[in-house]
C-alpha atoms as a PDB file:
ATOM      1  CA  MET A   1     -12.979  19.598  27.372  1.00  0.00           C
ATOM      2  CA  PRO A   2      -9.992  21.701  25.284  1.00  0.00           C
ATOM      3  CA  PRO A   3      -8.707  20.057  22.645  1.00  0.00           C
ATOM      4  CA  ALA A   4      -5.034  19.428  22.737  1.00  0.00           C
ATOM      5  CA  ALA A   5      -2.815  22.184  20.584  1.00  0.00           C
ATOM      6  CA  THR A   6      -0.599  19.560  19.213  1.00  0.00           C
ATOM      7  CA  GLY A   7      -0.376  16.800  16.991  1.00  0.00           C
ATOM      8  CA  ARG A   8      -3.230  15.340  15.748  1.00  0.00           C
ATOM      9  CA  GLN A   9      -5.187  16.122  18.879  1.00  0.00           C
ATOM     10  CA  LEU A  10      -7.123  18.274  18.012  1.00  0.00           C
ATOM     11  CA  LEU A  11     -10.500  16.871  18.820  1.00  0.00           C
ATOM     12  CA  ASP A  12     -11.762  16.185  22.562  1.00  0.00           C
ATOM     13  CA  ALA A  13     -12.503  12.736  23.786  1.00  0.00           C
ATOM     14  CA  ASP A  14     -16.349  12.428  22.169  1.00  0.00           C
ATOM     15  CA  GLU A  15     -15.182  14.167  19.145  1.00  0.00           C
ATOM     16  CA  ALA A  16     -12.138  11.916  18.543  1.00  0.00           C
ATOM     17  CA  ARG A  17     -14.017   8.522  19.543  1.00  0.00           C
ATOM     18  CA  VAL A  18     -16.787   9.528  17.678  1.00  0.00           C
ATOM     19  CA  ALA A  19     -14.450  10.103  14.555  1.00  0.00           C
ATOM     20  CA  ARG A  20     -12.330   6.838  15.262  1.00  0.00           C
ATOM     21  CA  ALA A  21     -16.041   4.651  15.500  1.00  0.00           C
ATOM     22  CA  SER A  22     -17.172   6.210  12.497  1.00  0.00           C
ATOM     23  CA  ARG A  23     -14.236   5.492  10.233  1.00  0.00           C
ATOM     24  CA  ASP A  24     -13.505   1.579  11.324  1.00  0.00           C
ATOM     25  CA  LEU A  25     -16.919   0.625  10.806  1.00  0.00           C
ATOM     26  CA  THR A  26     -17.191   2.306   7.422  1.00  0.00           C
ATOM     27  CA  LYS A  27     -13.850  -0.090   7.201  1.00  0.00           C
ATOM     28  CA  ILE A  28     -15.783  -2.832   8.217  1.00  0.00           C
ATOM     29  CA  ALA A  29     -19.198  -2.253   6.396  1.00  0.00           C
ATOM     30  CA  ALA A  30     -16.973  -1.705   2.683  1.00  0.00           C
ATOM     31  CA  ALA A  31     -15.004  -5.091   3.815  1.00  0.00           C
ATOM     32  CA  LEU A  32     -18.579  -6.927   4.151  1.00  0.00           C
ATOM     33  CA  VAL A  33     -19.969  -5.571   0.817  1.00  0.00           C
ATOM     34  CA  SER A  34     -16.847  -7.481  -0.667  1.00  0.00           C
ATOM     35  CA  ARG A  35     -16.413 -10.672   1.897  1.00  0.00           C
ATOM     36  CA  PRO A  36     -19.778 -11.054   3.347  1.00  0.00           C
ATOM     37  CA  MET A  37     -18.561 -14.688   5.182  1.00  0.00           C
ATOM     38  CA  ASP A  38     -15.070 -13.737   5.797  1.00  0.00           C
ATOM     39  CA  ARG A  39     -15.068 -15.125   9.606  1.00  0.00           C
ATOM     40  CA  ASP A  40     -12.109 -12.786  10.757  1.00  0.00           C
ATOM     41  CA  LEU A  41     -14.133  -9.621   9.433  1.00  0.00           C
ATOM     42  CA  HIS A  42     -17.431 -10.880  11.723  1.00  0.00           C
ATOM     43  CA  GLU A  43     -14.910 -11.333  14.481  1.00  0.00           C
ATOM     44  CA  GLN A  44     -13.770  -7.515  14.141  1.00  0.00           C
ATOM     45  CA  MET A  45     -17.491  -6.526  13.549  1.00  0.00           C
ATOM     46  CA  ARG A  46     -18.320  -8.577  17.075  1.00  0.00           C
ATOM     47  CA  SER A  47     -15.090  -7.431  18.492  1.00  0.00           C
ATOM     48  CA  PHE A  48     -15.824  -3.272  18.075  1.00  0.00           C
ATOM     49  CA  LEU A  49     -19.502  -4.088  19.327  1.00  0.00           C
ATOM     50  CA  THR A  50     -18.681  -5.610  22.502  1.00  0.00           C
ATOM     51  CA  ARG A  51     -15.712  -2.834  23.519  1.00  0.00           C
ATOM     52  CA  GLU A  52     -16.690   0.324  21.184  1.00  0.00           C
ATOM     53  CA  SER A  53     -20.088   0.549  20.183  1.00  0.00           C
ATOM     54  CA  GLU A  54     -21.653   1.727  23.420  1.00  0.00           C
ATOM     55  CA  PRO A  55     -18.339   3.792  24.390  1.00  0.00           C
ATOM     56  CA  ALA A  56     -18.963   5.534  20.670  1.00  0.00           C
ATOM     57  CA  LEU A  57     -22.862   6.193  21.143  1.00  0.00           C
ATOM     58  CA  ALA A  58     -22.656   8.018  24.398  1.00  0.00           C
ATOM     59  CA  SER A  59     -19.994  10.309  22.397  1.00  0.00           C
ATOM     60  CA  TRP A  60     -22.608  10.518  19.843  1.00  0.00           C
ATOM     61  CA  ASP A  61     -24.823  11.019  22.445  1.00  0.00           C
ATOM     62  CA  VAL A  62     -22.558  14.352  23.711  1.00  0.00           C
ATOM     63  CA  LEU A  63     -22.422  15.737  20.527  1.00  0.00           C
ATOM     64  CA  LEU A  64     -25.894  15.305  19.517  1.00  0.00           C
ATOM     65  CA  ALA A  65     -26.331  17.378  22.841  1.00  0.00           C
ATOM     66  CA  ARG A  66     -24.658  20.375  21.863  1.00  0.00           C
ATOM     67  CA  THR A  67     -25.953  23.422  20.803  1.00  0.00           C
ATOM     68  CA  PRO A  68     -25.405  25.347  17.523  1.00  0.00           C
ATOM     69  CA  ASP A  69     -23.031  27.769  19.313  1.00  0.00           C
ATOM     70  CA  GLU A  70     -20.893  25.539  20.431  1.00  0.00           C
ATOM     71  CA  LEU A  71     -20.711  23.194  18.001  1.00  0.00           C
ATOM     72  CA  LYS A  72     -19.568  27.211  16.118  1.00  0.00           C
ATOM     73  CA  GLU A  73     -17.069  27.203  18.922  1.00  0.00           C
ATOM     74  CA  ARG A  74     -15.638  24.042  18.290  1.00  0.00           C
ATOM     75  CA  ILE A  75     -14.797  23.976  14.287  1.00  0.00           C
ATOM     76  CA  SER A  76     -13.874  27.618  14.795  1.00  0.00           C
ATOM     77  CA  THR A  77     -11.274  26.141  17.833  1.00  0.00           C
ATOM     78  CA  VAL A  78     -10.332  22.903  15.604  1.00  0.00           C
ATOM     79  CA  LEU A  79      -9.743  25.277  12.532  1.00  0.00           C
ATOM     80  CA  THR A  80      -7.812  28.325  14.288  1.00  0.00           C
ATOM     81  CA  ALA A  81      -5.396  25.659  15.897  1.00  0.00           C
ATOM     82  CA  GLN A  82      -5.187  23.320  12.201  1.00  0.00           C
ATOM     83  CA  ALA A  83      -4.015  27.433  10.446  1.00  0.00           C
ATOM     84  CA  LEU A  84      -1.656  27.556  13.436  1.00  0.00           C
ATOM     85  CA  GLN A  85      -0.099  24.028  12.877  1.00  0.00           C
ATOM     86  CA  ARG A  86      -0.062  25.234   9.004  1.00  0.00           C
ATOM     87  CA  THR A  87       1.881  28.137   9.885  1.00  0.00           C
ATOM     88  CA  SER A  88       4.381  27.014  12.208  1.00  0.00           C
END
């Protein structure tokens, strides 16, 4: 799936899902360090695991299955789109 050419939608659906999941999980993990017994935080973690974990893992598998040439092409495409956005 080609990336969108405008806005912050440079990533394809799998790339965006993995990036979002990684960001959300990092926030939860960091908060668990300082508030390990926070009930709301535990609920956020359960909610993530219930709703987003499996789709994110499926997208991760898609990304892992890409060949080095496919990865290079995606990097080139995204970097080119970012450069074009900066110049426009």
